[in-house]
Amino acid sequence: MDFVDSGGNIVVPKAVRPIIGIDETALGTRQGARRQYRHGRLHIRDYDTHYTVHMDRVDPLVSPIGHLLADAPEYVVGAAAAAWAARQVGSAVYKKRKKDGKPAGEAAVDAIIAGCLAGSAAGKVAFSVAKKVK
């Protein structure tokens, strides 16, 4: 068994430490783990046969924004790309629908739908690219 995974996490077999005495958390990406735990900057993921452990640069309970910027910038990149694309596409669709003579309410609904679809796609692509770059 390798004791460091491809993400740089330390792998600890459950035979070494079968029970974690720390409260479970929802903060963090599970990456297929059954559960995850946090203790300060320590982030532990619980898999069937082992744990993975790493230290975050910033404790998300102390500084959520700092944690996103330092430890999970792909989420910031994805959210920014989603917001930008949604605004650009939504605005363009609204203006086009209004120019075509649609009522404001109908134009707004079309713009919101188009903006959400474009934002979702742009956010997913930007997140994936940022994660690979990280």
N, C-alpha and C. Protein backbone atom coordinates (compact mmCIF):
# COMPACT_ATOMS: atom_id res chain seq x y z
N MET A 1 0.85 -1.18 0.00
CA MET A 1 0.00 0.00 0.00
C MET A 1 0.89 1.24 0.00
N ASP A 2 0.56 2.21 -0.85
CA ASP A 2 1.26 3.48 -0.85
C ASP A 2 0.73 4.32 0.31
N PHE A 3 1.60 5.09 0.92
CA PHE A 3 1.17 5.89 2.07
C PHE A 3 0.99 7.36 1.76
N VAL A 4 1.10 7.71 0.47
CA VAL A 4 0.75 9.05 0.00
C VAL A 4 -0.03 8.87 -1.29
N ASP A 5 -1.23 9.48 -1.38
CA ASP A 5 -2.04 9.30 -2.59
C ASP A 5 -1.68 10.35 -3.64
N SER A 6 -2.36 10.29 -4.77
CA SER A 6 -2.04 11.20 -5.90
C SER A 6 -2.31 12.66 -5.57
N GLY A 7 -3.15 12.93 -4.57
CA GLY A 7 -3.44 14.31 -4.17
C GLY A 7 -2.52 14.83 -3.08
N GLY A 8 -1.51 14.03 -2.70
CA GLY A 8 -0.58 14.45 -1.65
C GLY A 8 -1.07 14.19 -0.24
N ASN A 9 -2.18 13.47 -0.10
CA ASN A 9 -2.72 13.14 1.22
C ASN A 9 -1.96 11.94 1.80
N ILE A 10 -1.80 11.93 3.11
CA ILE A 10 -1.20 10.79 3.80
C ILE A 10 -2.29 9.73 3.97
N VAL A 11 -1.98 8.48 3.60
CA VAL A 11 -2.93 7.37 3.71
C VAL A 11 -2.63 6.61 5.00
N VAL A 12 -3.65 6.46 5.84
CA VAL A 12 -3.50 5.76 7.12
C VAL A 12 -4.45 4.56 7.12
N PRO A 13 -3.92 3.34 7.15
CA PRO A 13 -4.79 2.16 7.20
C PRO A 13 -5.64 2.17 8.48
N LYS A 14 -6.85 1.68 8.40
CA LYS A 14 -7.71 1.65 9.58
C LYS A 14 -7.17 0.71 10.65
N ALA A 15 -6.32 -0.22 10.26
CA ALA A 15 -5.70 -1.11 11.25
C ALA A 15 -4.81 -0.31 12.20
N VAL A 16 -4.29 0.81 11.75
CA VAL A 16 -3.43 1.66 12.58
C VAL A 16 -4.27 2.49 13.54
N ARG A 17 -5.37 3.03 13.05
CA ARG A 17 -6.23 3.91 13.85
C ARG A 17 -7.67 3.67 13.43
N PRO A 18 -8.37 2.67 14.01
CA PRO A 18 -9.70 2.30 13.52
C PRO A 18 -10.81 3.30 13.84
N ILE A 19 -10.64 4.15 14.84
CA ILE A 19 -11.71 5.06 15.25
C ILE A 19 -11.18 6.48 15.30
N ILE A 20 -11.97 7.40 14.75
CA ILE A 20 -11.63 8.82 14.81
C ILE A 20 -12.52 9.46 15.88
N GLY A 21 -11.93 10.12 16.84
CA GLY A 21 -12.70 10.74 17.92
C GLY A 21 -12.96 12.22 17.69
N ILE A 22 -13.25 12.58 16.46
CA ILE A 22 -13.50 13.97 16.09
C ILE A 22 -14.88 14.05 15.46
N ASP A 23 -15.58 15.16 15.66
CA ASP A 23 -16.91 15.32 15.07
C ASP A 23 -16.84 15.35 13.55
N GLU A 24 -17.82 14.73 12.92
CA GLU A 24 -17.93 14.70 11.47
C GLU A 24 -18.27 16.10 10.95
N THR A 25 -17.85 16.42 9.74
CA THR A 25 -18.13 17.72 9.15
C THR A 25 -18.67 17.56 7.74
N ALA A 26 -19.41 18.55 7.29
CA ALA A 26 -19.88 18.60 5.90
C ALA A 26 -18.96 19.47 5.06
N LEU A 27 -18.05 20.20 5.72
CA LEU A 27 -17.15 21.09 4.99
C LEU A 27 -16.09 20.31 4.24
N GLY A 28 -15.99 20.53 2.96
CA GLY A 28 -14.95 19.88 2.17
C GLY A 28 -15.53 18.97 1.11
N THR A 29 -14.71 18.64 0.15
CA THR A 29 -15.10 17.72 -0.91
C THR A 29 -14.80 16.31 -0.45
N ARG A 30 -15.79 15.44 -0.47
CA ARG A 30 -15.63 14.08 0.05
C ARG A 30 -14.70 13.21 -0.79
N GLN A 31 -14.68 13.40 -2.08
CA GLN A 31 -13.85 12.61 -2.98
C GLN A 31 -14.05 11.11 -2.78
N GLY A 32 -15.32 10.72 -2.66
CA GLY A 32 -15.64 9.30 -2.52
C GLY A 32 -15.57 8.75 -1.11
N ALA A 33 -15.21 9.57 -0.14
CA ALA A 33 -15.12 9.11 1.24
C ALA A 33 -16.51 8.90 1.83
N ARG A 34 -16.59 7.99 2.81
CA ARG A 34 -17.86 7.76 3.52
C ARG A 34 -18.19 8.92 4.44
N ARG A 35 -17.17 9.44 5.11
CA ARG A 35 -17.32 10.56 6.04
C ARG A 35 -16.06 11.41 5.95
N GLN A 36 -16.15 12.60 6.55
CA GLN A 36 -14.96 13.42 6.68
C GLN A 36 -15.00 14.18 8.00
N TYR A 37 -13.83 14.49 8.47
CA TYR A 37 -13.68 15.13 9.77
C TYR A 37 -12.72 16.30 9.64
N ARG A 38 -12.88 17.26 10.52
CA ARG A 38 -11.95 18.39 10.59
C ARG A 38 -11.61 18.65 12.05
N HIS A 39 -10.35 18.99 12.26
CA HIS A 39 -9.88 19.40 13.57
C HIS A 39 -8.87 20.51 13.32
N GLY A 40 -9.35 21.76 13.43
CA GLY A 40 -8.50 22.89 13.05
C GLY A 40 -8.23 22.81 11.56
N ARG A 41 -6.95 22.84 11.21
CA ARG A 41 -6.56 22.76 9.79
C ARG A 41 -6.47 21.33 9.28
N LEU A 42 -6.57 20.35 10.18
CA LEU A 42 -6.48 18.94 9.81
C LEU A 42 -7.78 18.50 9.14
N HIS A 43 -7.67 17.88 7.97
CA HIS A 43 -8.82 17.39 7.21
C HIS A 43 -8.62 15.89 6.99
N ILE A 44 -9.57 15.09 7.49
CA ILE A 44 -9.49 13.63 7.42
C ILE A 44 -10.69 13.11 6.64
N ARG A 45 -10.41 12.24 5.67
CA ARG A 45 -11.47 11.58 4.92
C ARG A 45 -11.47 10.10 5.30
N ASP A 46 -12.65 9.54 5.54
CA ASP A 46 -12.84 8.16 5.99
C ASP A 46 -13.34 7.31 4.83
N TYR A 47 -12.51 6.38 4.37
CA TYR A 47 -12.87 5.41 3.33
C TYR A 47 -13.10 4.05 3.99
N ASP A 48 -13.49 3.05 3.23
CA ASP A 48 -13.78 1.73 3.79
C ASP A 48 -12.59 1.11 4.53
N THR A 49 -11.40 1.19 3.97
CA THR A 49 -10.24 0.49 4.54
C THR A 49 -9.16 1.42 5.09
N HIS A 50 -9.29 2.72 4.85
CA HIS A 50 -8.23 3.64 5.26
C HIS A 50 -8.77 5.06 5.43
N TYR A 51 -7.92 5.92 5.96
CA TYR A 51 -8.20 7.35 6.05
C TYR A 51 -7.18 8.06 5.16
N THR A 52 -7.56 9.24 4.67
CA THR A 52 -6.55 10.12 4.07
C THR A 52 -6.54 11.39 4.92
N VAL A 53 -5.35 11.95 5.08
CA VAL A 53 -5.16 13.08 5.97
C VAL A 53 -4.30 14.13 5.29
N HIS A 54 -4.72 15.39 5.42
CA HIS A 54 -3.87 16.50 4.97
C HIS A 54 -4.14 17.73 5.84
N MET A 55 -3.22 18.66 5.80
CA MET A 55 -3.37 19.92 6.53
C MET A 55 -3.74 21.02 5.53
N ASP A 56 -4.82 21.73 5.81
CA ASP A 56 -5.18 22.88 5.00
C ASP A 56 -4.32 24.07 5.42
N ARG A 57 -4.15 25.01 4.52
CA ARG A 57 -3.40 26.23 4.86
C ARG A 57 -4.18 27.11 5.81
N VAL A 58 -5.53 27.13 5.62
CA VAL A 58 -6.40 27.99 6.43
C VAL A 58 -7.56 27.14 6.95
N ASP A 59 -7.88 27.28 8.23
CA ASP A 59 -9.00 26.58 8.84
C ASP A 59 -10.31 27.19 8.32
N PRO A 60 -11.17 26.40 7.65
CA PRO A 60 -12.40 26.95 7.10
C PRO A 60 -13.39 27.45 8.14
N LEU A 61 -13.28 26.98 9.37
CA LEU A 61 -14.17 27.47 10.42
C LEU A 61 -13.72 28.82 10.95
N VAL A 62 -12.43 29.13 10.82
CA VAL A 62 -11.90 30.42 11.26
C VAL A 62 -12.03 31.47 10.16
N SER A 63 -11.71 31.09 8.93
CA SER A 63 -11.74 32.01 7.80
C SER A 63 -12.24 31.30 6.55
N PRO A 64 -13.56 31.25 6.34
CA PRO A 64 -14.08 30.53 5.17
C PRO A 64 -13.57 31.11 3.84
N ILE A 65 -13.54 32.41 3.72
CA ILE A 65 -13.06 33.04 2.48
C ILE A 65 -11.57 32.76 2.29
N GLY A 66 -10.80 32.90 3.35
CA GLY A 66 -9.37 32.61 3.29
C GLY A 66 -9.12 31.17 2.89
N HIS A 67 -9.94 30.25 3.42
CA HIS A 67 -9.81 28.84 3.07
C HIS A 67 -10.08 28.63 1.58
N LEU A 68 -11.15 29.24 1.07
CA LEU A 68 -11.45 29.10 -0.35
C LEU A 68 -10.31 29.63 -1.22
N LEU A 69 -9.78 30.79 -0.86
CA LEU A 69 -8.71 31.38 -1.66
C LEU A 69 -7.42 30.58 -1.59
N ALA A 70 -7.08 30.09 -0.40
CA ALA A 70 -5.79 29.40 -0.23
C ALA A 70 -5.86 27.91 -0.55
N ASP A 71 -6.94 27.25 -0.17
CA ASP A 71 -7.00 25.79 -0.27
C ASP A 71 -7.92 25.27 -1.36
N ALA A 72 -8.88 26.06 -1.80
CA ALA A 72 -9.84 25.59 -2.80
C ALA A 72 -10.17 26.69 -3.81
N PRO A 73 -9.15 27.26 -4.47
CA PRO A 73 -9.41 28.38 -5.38
C PRO A 73 -10.25 27.98 -6.60
N GLU A 74 -10.32 26.70 -6.91
CA GLU A 74 -11.12 26.27 -8.05
C GLU A 74 -12.60 26.60 -7.87
N TYR A 75 -13.07 26.63 -6.61
CA TYR A 75 -14.46 27.01 -6.35
C TYR A 75 -14.68 28.50 -6.62
N VAL A 76 -13.71 29.32 -6.26
CA VAL A 76 -13.81 30.77 -6.51
C VAL A 76 -13.80 31.02 -8.01
N VAL A 77 -12.90 30.36 -8.73
CA VAL A 77 -12.81 30.51 -10.19
C VAL A 77 -14.12 30.06 -10.84
N GLY A 78 -14.64 28.92 -10.44
CA GLY A 78 -15.90 28.42 -11.00
C GLY A 78 -17.06 29.36 -10.73
N ALA A 79 -17.17 29.87 -9.51
CA ALA A 79 -18.26 30.77 -9.16
C ALA A 79 -18.15 32.09 -9.93
N ALA A 80 -16.94 32.61 -10.06
CA ALA A 80 -16.75 33.86 -10.80
C ALA A 80 -17.10 33.69 -12.27
N ALA A 81 -16.66 32.59 -12.86
CA ALA A 81 -16.97 32.32 -14.28
C ALA A 81 -18.47 32.14 -14.47
N ALA A 82 -19.11 31.44 -13.55
CA ALA A 82 -20.56 31.23 -13.64
C ALA A 82 -21.31 32.56 -13.56
N ALA A 83 -20.93 33.41 -12.62
CA ALA A 83 -21.60 34.70 -12.46
C ALA A 83 -21.39 35.58 -13.70
N TRP A 84 -20.15 35.61 -14.20
CA TRP A 84 -19.86 36.44 -15.37
C TRP A 84 -20.66 35.96 -16.59
N ALA A 85 -20.63 34.66 -16.87
CA ALA A 85 -21.33 34.13 -18.03
C ALA A 85 -22.84 34.32 -17.90
N ALA A 86 -23.38 34.09 -16.72
CA ALA A 86 -24.82 34.25 -16.50
C ALA A 86 -25.23 35.69 -16.76
N ARG A 87 -24.43 36.62 -16.28
CA ARG A 87 -24.77 38.05 -16.48
C ARG A 87 -24.69 38.43 -17.95
N GLN A 88 -23.63 38.01 -18.63
CA GLN A 88 -23.45 38.35 -20.04
C GLN A 88 -24.57 37.77 -20.90
N VAL A 89 -24.82 36.49 -20.75
CA VAL A 89 -25.83 35.82 -21.57
C VAL A 89 -27.23 36.31 -21.20
N GLY A 90 -27.50 36.41 -19.92
CA GLY A 90 -28.82 36.87 -19.49
C GLY A 90 -29.14 38.26 -19.99
N SER A 91 -28.18 39.15 -19.91
CA SER A 91 -28.37 40.51 -20.39
C SER A 91 -28.60 40.55 -21.90
N ALA A 92 -27.81 39.77 -22.64
CA ALA A 92 -27.96 39.74 -24.10
C ALA A 92 -29.32 39.18 -24.51
N VAL A 93 -29.75 38.12 -23.85
CA VAL A 93 -31.05 37.51 -24.16
C VAL A 93 -32.18 38.46 -23.82
N TYR A 94 -32.09 39.13 -22.68
CA TYR A 94 -33.14 40.08 -22.29
C TYR A 94 -33.27 41.19 -23.32
N LYS A 95 -32.14 41.78 -23.71
CA LYS A 95 -32.16 42.87 -24.69
C LYS A 95 -32.73 42.39 -26.03
N LYS A 96 -32.35 41.20 -26.45
CA LYS A 96 -32.83 40.65 -27.73
C LYS A 96 -34.33 40.41 -27.67
N ARG A 97 -34.81 39.81 -26.60
CA ARG A 97 -36.24 39.53 -26.47
C ARG A 97 -37.06 40.82 -26.42
N LYS A 98 -36.53 41.82 -25.71
CA LYS A 98 -37.24 43.11 -25.65
C LYS A 98 -37.27 43.77 -27.03
N LYS A 99 -36.17 43.67 -27.75
CA LYS A 99 -36.08 44.24 -29.10
C LYS A 99 -37.06 43.54 -30.04
N ASP A 100 -37.27 42.24 -29.81
CA ASP A 100 -38.21 41.47 -30.62
C ASP A 100 -39.67 41.71 -30.24
N GLY A 101 -39.91 42.56 -29.24
CA GLY A 101 -41.27 42.93 -28.85
C GLY A 101 -41.89 42.07 -27.76
N LYS A 102 -41.10 41.25 -27.09
CA LYS A 102 -41.65 40.42 -26.01
C LYS A 102 -41.93 41.30 -24.78
N PRO A 103 -42.93 40.95 -23.99
CA PRO A 103 -43.17 41.69 -22.74
C PRO A 103 -41.98 41.51 -21.78
N ALA A 104 -41.79 42.47 -20.87
CA ALA A 104 -40.64 42.45 -19.96
C ALA A 104 -40.59 41.17 -19.12
N GLY A 105 -41.72 40.71 -18.63
CA GLY A 105 -41.75 39.50 -17.81
C GLY A 105 -41.30 38.27 -18.57
N GLU A 106 -41.78 38.13 -19.79
CA GLU A 106 -41.40 36.98 -20.62
C GLU A 106 -39.92 37.07 -21.00
N ALA A 107 -39.47 38.28 -21.32
CA ALA A 107 -38.06 38.47 -21.66
C ALA A 107 -37.17 38.14 -20.46
N ALA A 108 -37.62 38.52 -19.26
CA ALA A 108 -36.84 38.25 -18.05
C ALA A 108 -36.76 36.75 -17.77
N VAL A 109 -37.86 36.03 -17.95
CA VAL A 109 -37.84 34.58 -17.74
C VAL A 109 -36.87 33.92 -18.71
N ASP A 110 -36.94 34.30 -19.99
CA ASP A 110 -36.01 33.75 -20.98
C ASP A 110 -34.57 34.07 -20.62
N ALA A 111 -34.33 35.29 -20.16
CA ALA A 111 -32.97 35.71 -19.79
C ALA A 111 -32.46 34.93 -18.58
N ILE A 112 -33.31 34.71 -17.60
CA ILE A 112 -32.91 33.96 -16.41
C ILE A 112 -32.58 32.51 -16.78
N ILE A 113 -33.41 31.90 -17.58
CA ILE A 113 -33.14 30.51 -18.00
C ILE A 113 -31.83 30.42 -18.77
N ALA A 114 -31.66 31.30 -19.75
CA ALA A 114 -30.43 31.29 -20.56
C ALA A 114 -29.21 31.59 -19.69
N GLY A 115 -29.34 32.55 -18.79
CA GLY A 115 -28.24 32.90 -17.90
C GLY A 115 -27.85 31.75 -16.99
N CYS A 116 -28.84 31.06 -16.45
CA CYS A 116 -28.56 29.91 -15.58
C CYS A 116 -27.86 28.79 -16.33
N LEU A 117 -28.32 28.50 -17.53
CA LEU A 117 -27.69 27.44 -18.34
C LEU A 117 -26.25 27.81 -18.70
N ALA A 118 -26.06 29.04 -19.16
CA ALA A 118 -24.71 29.48 -19.54
C ALA A 118 -23.79 29.54 -18.32
N GLY A 119 -24.30 30.06 -17.22
CA GLY A 119 -23.51 30.15 -16.00
C GLY A 119 -23.11 28.78 -15.49
N SER A 120 -24.05 27.85 -15.53
CA SER A 120 -23.76 26.49 -15.07
C SER A 120 -22.66 25.85 -15.91
N ALA A 121 -22.76 25.98 -17.22
CA ALA A 121 -21.75 25.39 -18.10
C ALA A 121 -20.40 26.07 -17.91
N ALA A 122 -20.39 27.39 -17.87
CA ALA A 122 -19.11 28.12 -17.71
C ALA A 122 -18.48 27.82 -16.36
N GLY A 123 -19.28 27.75 -15.31
CA GLY A 123 -18.75 27.44 -13.98
C GLY A 123 -18.14 26.06 -13.92
N LYS A 124 -18.80 25.09 -14.53
CA LYS A 124 -18.29 23.71 -14.54
C LYS A 124 -16.97 23.62 -15.29
N VAL A 125 -16.89 24.27 -16.46
CA VAL A 125 -15.66 24.24 -17.25
C VAL A 125 -14.53 24.94 -16.49
N ALA A 126 -14.81 26.13 -15.97
CA ALA A 126 -13.77 26.88 -15.25
C ALA A 126 -13.29 26.12 -14.01
N PHE A 127 -14.22 25.52 -13.26
CA PHE A 127 -13.87 24.73 -12.09
C PHE A 127 -12.94 23.58 -12.48
N SER A 128 -13.32 22.85 -13.53
CA SER A 128 -12.52 21.70 -13.98
C SER A 128 -11.13 22.11 -14.42
N VAL A 129 -11.03 23.20 -15.17
CA VAL A 129 -9.73 23.68 -15.63
C VAL A 129 -8.89 24.13 -14.43
N ALA A 130 -9.49 24.90 -13.53
CA ALA A 130 -8.75 25.38 -12.35
C ALA A 130 -8.29 24.23 -11.47
N LYS A 131 -9.09 23.20 -11.35
CA LYS A 131 -8.72 22.04 -10.54
C LYS A 131 -7.52 21.31 -11.15
N LYS A 132 -7.51 21.19 -12.48
CA LYS A 132 -6.39 20.54 -13.15
C LYS A 132 -5.11 21.37 -13.02
N VAL A 133 -5.24 22.69 -13.11
CA VAL A 133 -4.09 23.59 -13.00
C VAL A 133 -3.53 23.56 -11.57
N LYS A 134 -4.41 23.47 -10.58
CA LYS A 134 -4.00 23.46 -9.17
C LYS A 134 -3.17 22.24 -8.90
